[in-house]
Amino acid sequence: MTRIVVLDDYPPALATSQAYRRLRELGEVTLFDTLPQGEAAVIDRLRDSDVAINIRSSTKITNVALAAVAGELRLVSIWGTGTDNVDLQAARQWEIRVTNTPNTATEAVAEHGLALLLALARRVVAVHNALCQGRWSQPEFFSQLYGKTLGIVGTGAIGRQMARLGVGLGMAVIAWSPHPKPELEKEIGLHYLDSLEEILRQADVVSLHLRLTEEYQGMIGEKELRTMKPTALLLNTARGGLIDQKALVTALEQGWIAGTALDVFATEPISPQDPLLTLPNVVLSPHCAGRTREAVENGLLQVVDNVRAFLQNQPQHVVV
């Protein structure tokens, strides 16, 4: 019987889903409802398993972990699109297949990004808190998105959906991508620019939609933040590591940019002492952009379908 381990179902997602019932039809399932604390814990959970299901991106599946279970582990099935928490080179070396679930949370993540952006532009958190504290007063002027320029960095599925939402709001949409798709200019109404620097200089809102790779680690740093308009807003629902978070705090404190809205952070969970939590020109959420009932169920069903396809020697959504 196939031995399947669920490494990190916390907060609970898989255990309460229809997908879990389907998973149990595929083999003997061990489900951990806590997060592994460190590399040794990950290795302990992986041992004696043919298939591992990775729910949380905070779980790091390293070269050391994969080497320790090489010859036993055959598949890592990831819930989500990002794979930066898994050492893909090591997986390739040890002949361990890695799959993910692209396009199952596209609309959910884009909608959440828009919600964060509107909350930031209209200072929703600040005026809500003031009203709840008994203060009925006119706030400073809000930022209007209509007629402004939205800069999309990365035109994968979520970047494209965010561009559509921007067009729907009456924004001019410009984009840069390492893999541009010229047909999107007509299909969506966006306009590609030749460089990230041009996006940063022109956009009133910069929205990040790239996978985290070594090339893009810290790609938004001091230089890039100083390039942006002082009235610009920065939105990130992709991966926290795309931004140099220390430089971002400085930019927000010194007014290089007007504000930021983040669903992802360099280290997750974010520390309660992180200076981002003390700033007035931020709106933050705890890496939950894809957490709609529809997106969660669709994604988890895809995780299980990826396992089923692999066991039938017809692997799908293969990363490695």
C-alpha atoms as a PDB file:
ATOM      1  CA  MET A   1       0.000   0.000   0.000  1.00  0.00           C
ATOM      2  CA  THR A   2       1.223   3.495  -0.850  1.00  0.00           C
ATOM      3  CA  ARG A   3       2.410   5.385   2.228  1.00  0.00           C
ATOM      4  CA  ILE A   4       1.332   9.026   2.163  1.00  0.00           C
ATOM      5  CA  VAL A   5       2.319  11.697   4.686  1.00  0.00           C
ATOM      6  CA  VAL A   6       0.715  15.119   5.027  1.00  0.00           C
ATOM      7  CA  LEU A   7       3.549  17.169   6.473  1.00  0.00           C
ATOM      8  CA  ASP A   8       1.898  20.293   7.818  1.00  0.00           C
ATOM      9  CA  ASP A   9      -1.881  20.669   7.798  1.00  0.00           C
ATOM     10  CA  TYR A  10      -1.968  23.651  10.159  1.00  0.00           C
ATOM     11  CA  PRO A  11      -4.112  25.668  10.281  1.00  0.00           C
ATOM     12  CA  PRO A  12      -6.352  22.780   9.213  1.00  0.00           C
ATOM     13  CA  ALA A  13      -7.270  22.745   5.534  1.00  0.00           C
ATOM     14  CA  LEU A  14      -6.936  19.265   4.086  1.00  0.00           C
ATOM     15  CA  ALA A  15      -8.331  17.296   7.039  1.00  0.00           C
ATOM     16  CA  THR A  16     -11.749  18.952   6.785  1.00  0.00           C
ATOM     17  CA  SER A  17     -12.043  18.818   2.995  1.00  0.00           C
ATOM     18  CA  GLN A  18     -13.592  16.477   0.466  1.00  0.00           C
ATOM     19  CA  ALA A  19     -10.091  16.014  -0.892  1.00  0.00           C
ATOM     20  CA  TYR A  20      -8.978  14.230   2.285  1.00  0.00           C
ATOM     21  CA  ARG A  21     -11.572  11.525   1.816  1.00  0.00           C
ATOM     22  CA  ARG A  22     -10.313  10.995  -1.723  1.00  0.00           C
ATOM     23  CA  LEU A  23      -6.720  10.932  -0.520  1.00  0.00           C
ATOM     24  CA  ARG A  24      -7.430   8.110   1.920  1.00  0.00           C
ATOM     25  CA  GLU A  25      -8.608   5.988  -0.997  1.00  0.00           C
ATOM     26  CA  LEU A  26      -5.103   6.147  -2.470  1.00  0.00           C
ATOM     27  CA  GLY A  27      -3.122   4.651   0.387  1.00  0.00           C
ATOM     28  CA  GLU A  28      -2.214   4.694   4.060  1.00  0.00           C
ATOM     29  CA  VAL A  29      -2.298   8.338   5.157  1.00  0.00           C
ATOM     30  CA  THR A  30      -0.480   9.914   8.101  1.00  0.00           C
ATOM     31  CA  LEU A  31      -1.574  13.512   8.680  1.00  0.00           C
ATOM     32  CA  PHE A  32       0.326  15.944  10.894  1.00  0.00           C
ATOM     33  CA  ASP A  33      -1.815  18.831  12.148  1.00  0.00           C
ATOM     34  CA  THR A  34       1.126  20.867  13.437  1.00  0.00           C
ATOM     35  CA  LEU A  35       3.980  22.632  11.665  1.00  0.00           C
ATOM     36  CA  PRO A  36       7.357  20.866  11.742  1.00  0.00           C
ATOM     37  CA  GLN A  37       9.870  22.778  13.823  1.00  0.00           C
ATOM     38  CA  GLY A  38      13.093  22.609  11.873  1.00  0.00           C
ATOM     39  CA  GLU A  39      14.830  20.337   9.400  1.00  0.00           C
ATOM     40  CA  ALA A  40      15.070  17.322  11.706  1.00  0.00           C
ATOM     41  CA  ALA A  41      11.306  17.360  12.241  1.00  0.00           C
ATOM     42  CA  VAL A  42      10.710  17.486   8.484  1.00  0.00           C
ATOM     43  CA  ILE A  43      12.988  14.474   8.006  1.00  0.00           C
ATOM     44  CA  ASP A  44      11.217  12.525  10.754  1.00  0.00           C
ATOM     45  CA  ARG A  45       7.868  13.151   9.080  1.00  0.00           C
ATOM     46  CA  LEU A  46       9.147  12.198   5.629  1.00  0.00           C
ATOM     47  CA  ARG A  47      10.669   8.884   6.687  1.00  0.00           C
ATOM     48  CA  ASP A  48       9.004   5.670   5.512  1.00  0.00           C
ATOM     49  CA  SER A  49       6.785   7.539   3.034  1.00  0.00           C
ATOM     50  CA  ASP A  50       6.308   7.148  -0.706  1.00  0.00           C
ATOM     51  CA  VAL A  51       4.403  10.410  -1.139  1.00  0.00           C
ATOM     52  CA  ALA A  52       4.562  13.671   0.817  1.00  0.00           C
ATOM     53  CA  ILE A  53       1.920  16.385   0.659  1.00  0.00           C
ATOM     54  CA  ASN A  54       3.160  19.881   1.500  1.00  0.00           C
ATOM     55  CA  ILE A  55       0.427  22.290   2.608  1.00  0.00           C
ATOM     56  CA  ARG A  56       2.343  25.289   4.013  1.00  0.00           C
ATOM     57  CA  SER A  57       5.088  27.247   2.266  1.00  0.00           C
ATOM     58  CA  SER A  58       6.773  27.823   5.637  1.00  0.00           C
ATOM     59  CA  THR A  59       7.816  24.144   5.641  1.00  0.00           C
ATOM     60  CA  LYS A  60      11.293  23.953   4.103  1.00  0.00           C
ATOM     61  CA  ILE A  61      12.074  20.707   2.288  1.00  0.00           C
ATOM     62  CA  THR A  62      15.835  20.975   1.944  1.00  0.00           C
ATOM     63  CA  ASN A  63      18.565  19.026   0.201  1.00  0.00           C
ATOM     64  CA  VAL A  64      19.472  17.417   3.523  1.00  0.00           C
ATOM     65  CA  ALA A  65      15.867  16.346   4.093  1.00  0.00           C
ATOM     66  CA  LEU A  66      15.481  14.903   0.602  1.00  0.00           C
ATOM     67  CA  ALA A  67      18.835  13.127   0.775  1.00  0.00           C
ATOM     68  CA  ALA A  68      17.784  11.499   4.044  1.00  0.00           C
ATOM     69  CA  VAL A  69      14.750   9.883   2.413  1.00  0.00           C
ATOM     70  CA  ALA A  70      16.134   9.302  -1.091  1.00  0.00           C
ATOM     71  CA  GLY A  71      15.172   5.891  -2.392  1.00  0.00           C
ATOM     72  CA  GLU A  72      11.934   5.908  -0.397  1.00  0.00           C
ATOM     73  CA  LEU A  73      10.184   9.188  -1.153  1.00  0.00           C
ATOM     74  CA  ARG A  74       8.971   9.377  -4.755  1.00  0.00           C
ATOM     75  CA  LEU A  75       6.685  12.421  -4.865  1.00  0.00           C
ATOM     76  CA  VAL A  76       6.205  15.788  -3.165  1.00  0.00           C
ATOM     77  CA  SER A  77       2.758  17.166  -4.007  1.00  0.00           C
ATOM     78  CA  ILE A  78       2.578  20.880  -3.157  1.00  0.00           C
ATOM     79  CA  TRP A  79      -0.614  22.821  -2.467  1.00  0.00           C
ATOM     80  CA  GLY A  80      -0.078  26.111  -4.273  1.00  0.00           C
ATOM     81  CA  THR A  81       1.907  27.463  -7.179  1.00  0.00           C
ATOM     82  CA  GLY A  82       5.102  28.533  -5.414  1.00  0.00           C
ATOM     83  CA  THR A  83       7.842  25.944  -4.985  1.00  0.00           C
ATOM     84  CA  ASP A  84      10.594  28.046  -3.398  1.00  0.00           C
ATOM     85  CA  ASN A  85      10.333  26.114  -0.114  1.00  0.00           C
ATOM     86  CA  VAL A  86      11.490  22.904  -1.832  1.00  0.00           C
ATOM     87  CA  ASP A  87      15.052  22.353  -3.054  1.00  0.00           C
ATOM     88  CA  LEU A  88      14.165  21.501  -6.644  1.00  0.00           C
ATOM     89  CA  GLN A  89      17.750  20.808  -7.666  1.00  0.00           C
ATOM     90  CA  ALA A  90      18.029  18.238  -4.887  1.00  0.00           C
ATOM     91  CA  ALA A  91      14.689  16.711  -5.858  1.00  0.00           C
ATOM     92  CA  ARG A  92      15.989  16.308  -9.401  1.00  0.00           C
ATOM     93  CA  GLN A  93      19.243  14.806  -8.128  1.00  0.00           C
ATOM     94  CA  TRP A  94      17.450  12.263  -5.932  1.00  0.00           C
ATOM     95  CA  GLU A  95      14.826  11.519  -8.603  1.00  0.00           C
ATOM     96  CA  ILE A  96      11.924  12.760  -6.497  1.00  0.00           C
ATOM     97  CA  ARG A  97       9.019  14.161  -8.499  1.00  0.00           C
ATOM     98  CA  VAL A  98       7.560  17.541  -7.431  1.00  0.00           C
ATOM     99  CA  THR A  99       4.112  18.776  -8.492  1.00  0.00           C
ATOM    100  CA  ASN A 100       2.086  21.904  -7.734  1.00  0.00           C
ATOM    101  CA  THR A 101      -1.431  23.272  -8.248  1.00  0.00           C
ATOM    102  CA  PRO A 102      -1.326  26.178 -10.714  1.00  0.00           C
ATOM    103  CA  ASN A 103      -4.365  28.344 -11.423  1.00  0.00           C
ATOM    104  CA  THR A 104      -6.571  27.014  -8.616  1.00  0.00           C
ATOM    105  CA  ALA A 105      -6.518  30.283  -6.615  1.00  0.00           C
ATOM    106  CA  THR A 106      -6.015  32.828  -9.390  1.00  0.00           C
ATOM    107  CA  GLU A 107      -9.232  34.775  -8.859  1.00  0.00           C
ATOM    108  CA  ALA A 108      -9.045  34.531  -5.069  1.00  0.00           C
ATOM    109  CA  VAL A 109      -5.518  35.939  -4.846  1.00  0.00           C
ATOM    110  CA  ALA A 110      -6.205  38.730  -7.339  1.00  0.00           C
ATOM    111  CA  GLU A 111      -9.404  39.745  -5.530  1.00  0.00           C
ATOM    112  CA  HIS A 112      -7.552  39.809  -2.211  1.00  0.00           C
ATOM    113  CA  GLY A 113      -4.832  41.932  -3.769  1.00  0.00           C
ATOM    114  CA  LEU A 114      -7.453  44.404  -4.955  1.00  0.00           C
ATOM    115  CA  ALA A 115      -9.040  44.423  -1.487  1.00  0.00           C
ATOM    116  CA  LEU A 116      -5.677  45.207   0.123  1.00  0.00           C
ATOM    117  CA  LEU A 117      -4.992  47.899  -2.443  1.00  0.00           C
ATOM    118  CA  LEU A 118      -8.348  49.604  -1.921  1.00  0.00           C
ATOM    119  CA  ALA A 119      -7.958  49.382   1.850  1.00  0.00           C
ATOM    120  CA  LEU A 120      -4.559  51.062   1.565  1.00  0.00           C
ATOM    121  CA  ALA A 121      -5.608  53.736  -0.922  1.00  0.00           C
ATOM    122  CA  ARG A 122      -8.753  54.613   1.062  1.00  0.00           C
ATOM    123  CA  ARG A 123      -7.134  54.197   4.514  1.00  0.00           C
ATOM    124  CA  VAL A 124      -9.937  51.837   5.491  1.00  0.00           C
ATOM    125  CA  VAL A 125      -8.174  50.378   8.534  1.00  0.00           C
ATOM    126  CA  ALA A 126      -7.332  53.790   9.996  1.00  0.00           C
ATOM    127  CA  VAL A 127     -10.783  55.329   9.525  1.00  0.00           C
ATOM    128  CA  HIS A 128     -12.491  52.167  10.814  1.00  0.00           C
ATOM    129  CA  ASN A 129     -10.356  52.177  13.960  1.00  0.00           C
ATOM    130  CA  ALA A 130     -10.934  55.901  14.502  1.00  0.00           C
ATOM    131  CA  LEU A 131     -14.696  55.493  14.200  1.00  0.00           C
ATOM    132  CA  CYS A 132     -14.695  52.546  16.613  1.00  0.00           C
ATOM    133  CA  GLN A 133     -12.790  54.742  19.077  1.00  0.00           C
ATOM    134  CA  GLY A 134     -15.521  57.385  18.922  1.00  0.00           C
ATOM    135  CA  ARG A 135     -13.796  59.808  16.566  1.00  0.00           C
ATOM    136  CA  TRP A 136     -16.014  61.117  13.753  1.00  0.00           C
ATOM    137  CA  SER A 137     -13.623  63.223  11.736  1.00  0.00           C
ATOM    138  CA  GLN A 138     -12.653  63.868   8.144  1.00  0.00           C
ATOM    139  CA  PRO A 139      -9.429  62.016   7.324  1.00  0.00           C
ATOM    140  CA  GLU A 140      -6.691  63.203   5.036  1.00  0.00           C
ATOM    141  CA  PHE A 141      -7.408  62.870   1.338  1.00  0.00           C
ATOM    142  CA  PHE A 142      -7.638  59.343  -0.006  1.00  0.00           C
ATOM    143  CA  SER A 143      -5.946  58.046  -3.163  1.00  0.00           C
ATOM    144  CA  GLN A 144      -8.218  57.445  -6.150  1.00  0.00           C
ATOM    145  CA  LEU A 145      -7.352  54.503  -8.402  1.00  0.00           C
ATOM    146  CA  TYR A 146      -9.460  55.505 -11.396  1.00  0.00           C
ATOM    147  CA  GLY A 147      -7.259  57.138 -14.006  1.00  0.00           C
ATOM    148  CA  LYS A 148      -4.042  56.028 -12.300  1.00  0.00           C
ATOM    149  CA  THR A 149      -1.399  53.657 -13.690  1.00  0.00           C
ATOM    150  CA  LEU A 150      -1.121  50.069 -12.452  1.00  0.00           C
ATOM    151  CA  GLY A 151       2.234  48.370 -13.000  1.00  0.00           C
ATOM    152  CA  ILE A 152       2.075  44.576 -13.145  1.00  0.00           C
ATOM    153  CA  VAL A 153       5.373  42.770 -12.505  1.00  0.00           C
ATOM    154  CA  GLY A 154       4.935  39.246 -13.861  1.00  0.00           C
ATOM    155  CA  THR A 155       2.073  38.316 -16.176  1.00  0.00           C
ATOM    156  CA  GLY A 156       1.347  34.777 -15.088  1.00  0.00           C
ATOM    157  CA  ALA A 157      -2.226  33.794 -14.254  1.00  0.00           C
ATOM    158  CA  ILE A 158      -2.572  35.991 -11.149  1.00  0.00           C
ATOM    159  CA  GLY A 159      -0.775  38.946 -12.724  1.00  0.00           C
ATOM    160  CA  ARG A 160      -3.110  38.754 -15.704  1.00  0.00           C
ATOM    161  CA  GLN A 161      -6.184  38.622 -13.477  1.00  0.00           C
ATOM    162  CA  MET A 162      -4.942  41.598 -11.472  1.00  0.00           C
ATOM    163  CA  ALA A 163      -4.457  43.470 -14.745  1.00  0.00           C
ATOM    164  CA  ARG A 164      -8.069  42.729 -15.711  1.00  0.00           C
ATOM    165  CA  LEU A 165      -9.279  44.098 -12.380  1.00  0.00           C
ATOM    166  CA  GLY A 166      -7.193  47.219 -12.891  1.00  0.00           C
ATOM    167  CA  VAL A 167      -8.659  47.772 -16.342  1.00  0.00           C
ATOM    168  CA  GLY A 168     -12.120  47.319 -14.832  1.00  0.00           C
ATOM    169  CA  LEU A 169     -11.375  50.114 -12.366  1.00  0.00           C
ATOM    170  CA  GLY A 170     -10.410  52.457 -15.176  1.00  0.00           C
ATOM    171  CA  MET A 171      -6.674  52.227 -14.594  1.00  0.00           C
ATOM    172  CA  ALA A 172      -4.045  52.295 -17.313  1.00  0.00           C
ATOM    173  CA  VAL A 173      -2.149  49.004 -17.015  1.00  0.00           C
ATOM    174  CA  ILE A 174       1.524  48.620 -17.870  1.00  0.00           C
ATOM    175  CA  ALA A 175       3.485  45.409 -17.378  1.00  0.00           C
ATOM    176  CA  TRP A 176       6.919  43.854 -17.317  1.00  0.00           C
ATOM    177  CA  SER A 177       7.557  40.120 -17.352  1.00  0.00           C
ATOM    178  CA  PRO A 178      10.548  37.852 -17.964  1.00  0.00           C
ATOM    179  CA  HIS A 179       8.211  35.934 -20.271  1.00  0.00           C
ATOM    180  CA  PRO A 180       5.973  38.531 -21.956  1.00  0.00           C
ATOM    181  CA  LYS A 181       2.882  37.444 -23.842  1.00  0.00           C
ATOM    182  CA  PRO A 182       2.256  40.060 -26.557  1.00  0.00           C
ATOM    183  CA  GLU A 183      -1.270  38.778 -27.183  1.00  0.00           C
ATOM    184  CA  LEU A 184      -2.275  40.086 -23.739  1.00  0.00           C
ATOM    185  CA  GLU A 185      -1.939  43.672 -24.931  1.00  0.00           C
ATOM    186  CA  LYS A 186      -5.015  43.216 -27.110  1.00  0.00           C
ATOM    187  CA  GLU A 187      -6.768  40.625 -24.940  1.00  0.00           C
ATOM    188  CA  ILE A 188      -6.599  42.579 -21.657  1.00  0.00           C
ATOM    189  CA  GLY A 189      -5.623  46.085 -22.681  1.00  0.00           C
ATOM    190  CA  LEU A 190      -2.259  46.220 -20.934  1.00  0.00           C
ATOM    191  CA  HIS A 191       0.943  47.608 -22.408  1.00  0.00           C
ATOM    192  CA  TYR A 192       4.319  45.915 -21.944  1.00  0.00           C
ATOM    193  CA  LEU A 193       7.361  48.029 -21.125  1.00  0.00           C
ATOM    194  CA  ASP A 194      10.943  46.940 -21.746  1.00  0.00           C
ATOM    195  CA  SER A 195      12.249  47.034 -18.179  1.00  0.00           C
ATOM    196  CA  LEU A 196      11.263  46.830 -14.539  1.00  0.00           C
ATOM    197  CA  GLU A 197      12.819  50.269 -14.015  1.00  0.00           C
ATOM    198  CA  GLU A 198      10.336  51.799 -16.462  1.00  0.00           C
ATOM    199  CA  ILE A 199       7.452  50.217 -14.559  1.00  0.00           C
ATOM    200  CA  LEU A 200       8.743  51.576 -11.259  1.00  0.00           C
ATOM    201  CA  ARG A 201       9.159  55.089 -12.650  1.00  0.00           C
ATOM    202  CA  GLN A 202       5.729  55.299 -14.272  1.00  0.00           C
ATOM    203  CA  ALA A 203       3.353  53.304 -12.057  1.00  0.00           C
ATOM    204  CA  ASP A 204       1.157  54.735  -9.322  1.00  0.00           C
ATOM    205  CA  VAL A 205       0.651  51.180  -8.058  1.00  0.00           C
ATOM    206  CA  VAL A 206       3.252  48.414  -8.441  1.00  0.00           C
ATOM    207  CA  SER A 207       1.865  44.886  -8.018  1.00  0.00           C
ATOM    208  CA  LEU A 208       4.269  41.912  -7.756  1.00  0.00           C
ATOM    209  CA  HIS A 209       3.386  38.552  -9.330  1.00  0.00           C
ATOM    210  CA  LEU A 210       6.648  36.641  -9.798  1.00  0.00           C
ATOM    211  CA  ARG A 211       7.812  33.329  -8.399  1.00  0.00           C
ATOM    212  CA  LEU A 212      10.626  33.591  -5.878  1.00  0.00           C
ATOM    213  CA  THR A 213      13.890  32.394  -7.416  1.00  0.00           C
ATOM    214  CA  GLU A 214      17.524  33.212  -6.701  1.00  0.00           C
ATOM    215  CA  GLU A 215      17.365  35.748  -9.525  1.00  0.00           C
ATOM    216  CA  TYR A 216      14.426  37.617  -8.012  1.00  0.00           C
ATOM    217  CA  GLN A 217      15.355  37.361  -4.325  1.00  0.00           C
ATOM    218  CA  GLY A 218      15.249  40.914  -2.968  1.00  0.00           C
ATOM    219  CA  MET A 219      14.561  42.361  -6.431  1.00  0.00           C
ATOM    220  CA  ILE A 220      12.734  45.332  -4.872  1.00  0.00           C
ATOM    221  CA  GLY A 221      15.445  46.941  -2.765  1.00  0.00           C
ATOM    222  CA  GLU A 222      16.623  50.450  -1.918  1.00  0.00           C
ATOM    223  CA  LYS A 223      17.445  51.368  -5.524  1.00  0.00           C
ATOM    224  CA  GLU A 224      14.076  50.204  -6.817  1.00  0.00           C
ATOM    225  CA  LEU A 225      12.107  51.826  -3.996  1.00  0.00           C
ATOM    226  CA  ARG A 226      13.877  55.143  -4.596  1.00  0.00           C
ATOM    227  CA  THR A 227      12.980  54.835  -8.289  1.00  0.00           C
ATOM    228  CA  MET A 228       9.247  54.705  -7.512  1.00  0.00           C
ATOM    229  CA  LYS A 229       7.088  57.810  -7.210  1.00  0.00           C
ATOM    230  CA  PRO A 230       6.776  59.231  -3.667  1.00  0.00           C
ATOM    231  CA  THR A 231       2.995  58.871  -4.112  1.00  0.00           C
ATOM    232  CA  ALA A 232       3.224  55.238  -5.279  1.00  0.00           C
ATOM    233  CA  LEU A 233       1.784  52.185  -3.549  1.00  0.00           C
ATOM    234  CA  LEU A 234       3.475  48.750  -3.512  1.00  0.00           C
ATOM    235  CA  LEU A 235       1.363  45.567  -3.453  1.00  0.00           C
ATOM    236  CA  ASN A 236       2.748  42.053  -2.899  1.00  0.00           C
ATOM    237  CA  THR A 237       0.635  38.889  -2.852  1.00  0.00           C
ATOM    238  CA  ALA A 238       3.376  36.714  -4.399  1.00  0.00           C
ATOM    239  CA  ARG A 239       6.347  35.940  -2.126  1.00  0.00           C
ATOM    240  CA  GLY A 240       7.822  38.050   0.653  1.00  0.00           C
ATOM    241  CA  GLY A 241      11.380  37.385  -0.467  1.00  0.00           C
ATOM    242  CA  LEU A 242      10.869  39.474  -3.595  1.00  0.00           C
ATOM    243  CA  ILE A 243      11.215  42.588  -1.414  1.00  0.00           C
ATOM    244  CA  ASP A 244      14.129  43.670   0.767  1.00  0.00           C
ATOM    245  CA  GLN A 245      11.942  44.153   3.824  1.00  0.00           C
ATOM    246  CA  LYS A 246      14.469  46.274   5.728  1.00  0.00           C
ATOM    247  CA  ALA A 247      14.718  48.669   2.780  1.00  0.00           C
ATOM    248  CA  LEU A 248      10.926  48.726   2.546  1.00  0.00           C
ATOM    249  CA  VAL A 249      10.588  49.828   6.173  1.00  0.00           C
ATOM    250  CA  THR A 250      13.058  52.652   5.532  1.00  0.00           C
ATOM    251  CA  ALA A 251      11.182  53.655   2.381  1.00  0.00           C
ATOM    252  CA  LEU A 252       7.903  53.844   4.286  1.00  0.00           C
ATOM    253  CA  GLU A 253       9.409  55.756   7.205  1.00  0.00           C
ATOM    254  CA  GLN A 254      11.217  58.278   5.011  1.00  0.00           C
ATOM    255  CA  GLY A 255       8.522  58.745   2.388  1.00  0.00           C
ATOM    256  CA  TRP A 256      10.242  57.241  -0.639  1.00  0.00           C
ATOM    257  CA  ILE A 257       6.844  55.657  -1.381  1.00  0.00           C
ATOM    258  CA  ALA A 258       3.411  56.386   0.060  1.00  0.00           C
ATOM    259  CA  GLY A 259       2.440  52.954   1.325  1.00  0.00           C
ATOM    260  CA  THR A 260       2.457  49.189   0.958  1.00  0.00           C
ATOM    261  CA  ALA A 261      -0.058  46.350   1.137  1.00  0.00           C
ATOM    262  CA  LEU A 262       1.367  42.896   1.837  1.00  0.00           C
ATOM    263  CA  ASP A 263      -0.004  39.384   2.176  1.00  0.00           C
ATOM    264  CA  VAL A 264       3.471  37.809   2.258  1.00  0.00           C
ATOM    265  CA  PHE A 265       6.637  38.458   4.247  1.00  0.00           C
ATOM    266  CA  ALA A 266      10.342  37.642   4.213  1.00  0.00           C
ATOM    267  CA  THR A 267       9.858  35.440   7.282  1.00  0.00           C
ATOM    268  CA  GLU A 268       6.523  33.835   8.093  1.00  0.00           C
ATOM    269  CA  PRO A 269       4.859  34.112  10.493  1.00  0.00           C
ATOM    270  CA  ILE A 270       5.954  37.737  10.769  1.00  0.00           C
ATOM    271  CA  SER A 271       7.549  38.581  14.122  1.00  0.00           C
ATOM    272  CA  PRO A 272       5.327  40.543  16.545  1.00  0.00           C
ATOM    273  CA  GLN A 273       8.299  42.919  16.901  1.00  0.00           C
ATOM    274  CA  ASP A 274       8.602  43.572  13.153  1.00  0.00           C
ATOM    275  CA  PRO A 275       8.653  47.350  12.511  1.00  0.00           C
ATOM    276  CA  LEU A 276       6.173  46.931   9.649  1.00  0.00           C
ATOM    277  CA  LEU A 277       3.494  46.341  12.279  1.00  0.00           C
ATOM    278  CA  THR A 278       4.008  49.815  13.750  1.00  0.00           C
ATOM    279  CA  LEU A 279       3.735  51.866  10.562  1.00  0.00           C
ATOM    280  CA  PRO A 280       0.598  53.837   9.660  1.00  0.00           C
ATOM    281  CA  ASN A 281       0.975  53.529   5.881  1.00  0.00           C
ATOM    282  CA  VAL A 282       0.656  49.748   5.584  1.00  0.00           C
ATOM    283  CA  VAL A 283      -2.144  47.196   5.258  1.00  0.00           C
ATOM    284  CA  LEU A 284      -1.159  43.613   6.062  1.00  0.00           C
ATOM    285  CA  SER A 285      -2.717  40.147   5.995  1.00  0.00           C
ATOM    286  CA  PRO A 286      -1.234  36.784   7.087  1.00  0.00           C
ATOM    287  CA  HIS A 287      -0.585  35.019   3.744  1.00  0.00           C
ATOM    288  CA  CYS A 288      -4.262  34.238   3.278  1.00  0.00           C
ATOM    289  CA  ALA A 289      -5.027  35.696  -0.158  1.00  0.00           C
ATOM    290  CA  GLY A 290      -6.043  32.336  -1.590  1.00  0.00           C
ATOM    291  CA  ARG A 291      -8.227  31.340   1.316  1.00  0.00           C
ATOM    292  CA  THR A 292     -11.709  31.286  -0.187  1.00  0.00           C
ATOM    293  CA  ARG A 293     -13.791  28.134   0.138  1.00  0.00           C
ATOM    294  CA  GLU A 294     -13.777  27.703  -3.614  1.00  0.00           C
ATOM    295  CA  ALA A 295     -10.044  28.163  -4.076  1.00  0.00           C
ATOM    296  CA  VAL A 296      -9.074  25.997  -1.103  1.00  0.00           C
ATOM    297  CA  GLU A 297     -11.270  23.083  -2.147  1.00  0.00           C
ATOM    298  CA  ASN A 298     -10.177  23.297  -5.790  1.00  0.00           C
ATOM    299  CA  GLY A 299      -6.520  23.434  -4.817  1.00  0.00           C
ATOM    300  CA  LEU A 300      -6.702  20.523  -2.396  1.00  0.00           C
ATOM    301  CA  LEU A 301      -8.581  18.399  -4.909  1.00  0.00           C
ATOM    302  CA  GLN A 302      -5.794  19.153  -7.384  1.00  0.00           C
ATOM    303  CA  VAL A 303      -3.179  18.090  -4.820  1.00  0.00           C
ATOM    304  CA  VAL A 304      -4.895  14.717  -4.515  1.00  0.00           C
ATOM    305  CA  ASP A 305      -5.444  14.413  -8.265  1.00  0.00           C
ATOM    306  CA  ASN A 306      -1.714  14.986  -8.727  1.00  0.00           C
ATOM    307  CA  VAL A 307      -0.998  12.088  -6.364  1.00  0.00           C
ATOM    308  CA  ARG A 308      -3.491   9.860  -8.161  1.00  0.00           C
ATOM    309  CA  ALA A 309      -2.031  10.719 -11.572  1.00  0.00           C
ATOM    310  CA  PHE A 310       1.494  10.004 -10.341  1.00  0.00           C
ATOM    311  CA  LEU A 311       0.493   6.608  -8.955  1.00  0.00           C
ATOM    312  CA  GLN A 312      -1.067   5.812 -12.331  1.00  0.00           C
ATOM    313  CA  ASN A 313       2.231   6.685 -14.059  1.00  0.00           C
ATOM    314  CA  GLN A 314       0.640   9.736 -15.677  1.00  0.00           C
ATOM    315  CA  PRO A 315       2.162  12.609 -13.661  1.00  0.00           C
ATOM    316  CA  GLN A 316       0.652  16.055 -14.172  1.00  0.00           C
ATOM    317  CA  HIS A 317       1.515  19.623 -13.134  1.00  0.00           C
ATOM    318  CA  VAL A 318       5.122  18.502 -12.850  1.00  0.00           C
ATOM    319  CA  VAL A 319       7.702  21.021 -11.657  1.00  0.00           C
ATOM    320  CA  VAL A 320      10.557  18.491 -11.421  1.00  0.00           C
END
